[in-house]
Protein backbone atom coordinates (compact mmCIF):
# COMPACT_ATOMS: atom_id res chain seq x y z
CA MET A 1 -7.98 -9.82 -0.57
CA ASP A 2 -4.50 -10.66 -1.95
CA LYS A 3 -2.68 -12.97 0.16
CA LYS A 4 0.38 -10.34 0.44
CA LYS A 5 -1.96 -7.75 1.76
CA ILE A 6 -3.02 -7.50 5.39
CA ASN A 7 -5.83 -5.69 6.77
CA VAL A 8 -5.09 -3.39 9.68
CA LEU A 9 -8.32 -1.81 11.02
CA GLY A 10 -9.69 -1.49 7.59
CA ILE A 11 -6.61 -0.41 5.73
CA LYS A 12 -4.97 -2.90 3.30
CA ILE A 13 -1.29 -2.89 3.72
CA PHE A 14 1.09 -4.79 1.45
CA ASN A 15 3.12 -7.21 3.67
CA ALA A 16 6.66 -7.34 2.39
CA THR A 17 10.32 -6.86 3.31
CA LYS A 18 11.93 -4.13 1.84
CA HIS A 19 13.70 -6.35 -0.48
CA ASP A 20 10.48 -7.85 -1.68
CA ALA A 21 8.82 -4.36 -2.06
CA VAL A 22 11.79 -3.28 -4.36
CA ILE A 23 11.43 -6.42 -6.34
CA GLU A 24 7.68 -5.78 -6.68
CA ILE A 25 8.16 -2.12 -7.86
CA ALA A 26 11.14 -3.14 -10.16
CA ASN A 27 9.08 -5.70 -11.90
CA ALA A 28 6.20 -3.16 -12.54
CA VAL A 29 8.89 -0.90 -13.98
CA GLU A 30 10.37 -3.39 -16.00
CA SER A 31 7.16 -4.51 -17.53
CA LYS A 32 6.05 -0.92 -17.97
CA THR A 33 3.01 -1.50 -15.84
CA LYS A 34 1.53 1.51 -14.23
CA LYS A 35 1.14 1.31 -10.41
CA THR A 36 0.24 3.44 -7.59
CA VAL A 37 2.52 3.27 -4.69
CA MET A 38 1.89 4.81 -1.29
CA PHE A 39 3.62 4.77 2.09
CA LEU A 40 1.67 4.79 5.27
CA ASN A 41 3.20 6.14 8.37
CA ALA A 42 1.57 6.50 11.94
CA ASN A 43 0.12 10.02 11.18
CA ASN A 44 -1.23 8.94 8.03
CA PHE A 45 -2.75 5.88 9.57
CA THR A 46 -4.50 7.96 12.15
CA ILE A 47 -5.85 10.33 9.32
CA ALA A 48 -6.93 7.37 7.31
CA SER A 49 -8.81 5.99 10.34
CA ASP A 50 -10.89 9.02 10.64
CA ASP A 51 -11.18 10.07 6.94
CA ARG A 52 -13.16 7.83 4.61
CA LYS A 53 -12.03 9.49 1.38
CA TYR A 54 -8.46 9.12 2.32
CA ARG A 55 -8.97 5.49 3.09
CA GLU A 56 -10.74 5.05 -0.25
CA ILE A 57 -7.75 6.55 -1.93
CA LEU A 58 -5.35 4.07 -0.21
CA ASP A 59 -7.59 1.14 -0.98
CA ARG A 60 -7.31 2.02 -4.67
CA ALA A 61 -3.50 1.90 -4.52
CA ASP A 62 -1.77 -1.04 -5.96
CA TYR A 63 0.70 -0.96 -3.10
CA VAL A 64 0.50 0.53 0.29
CA PHE A 65 3.72 -0.03 2.28
CA GLY A 66 4.12 0.59 5.97
CA ASP A 67 6.75 3.43 6.45
């Protein structure tokens, strides 16, 4: 697992400050690199813990940020 990601009950969340998250996304935009960005709040986390397919979608995202 990427050192910037932490595993919370099987869901990999990008561990970054808001500033670092903006820099990561800005770098992807500047380099014209296509990235998938998702935000996970408490409700989505609950859904993901019960829904394997949703968890798989989150797992394929380049960035999952806590909301």
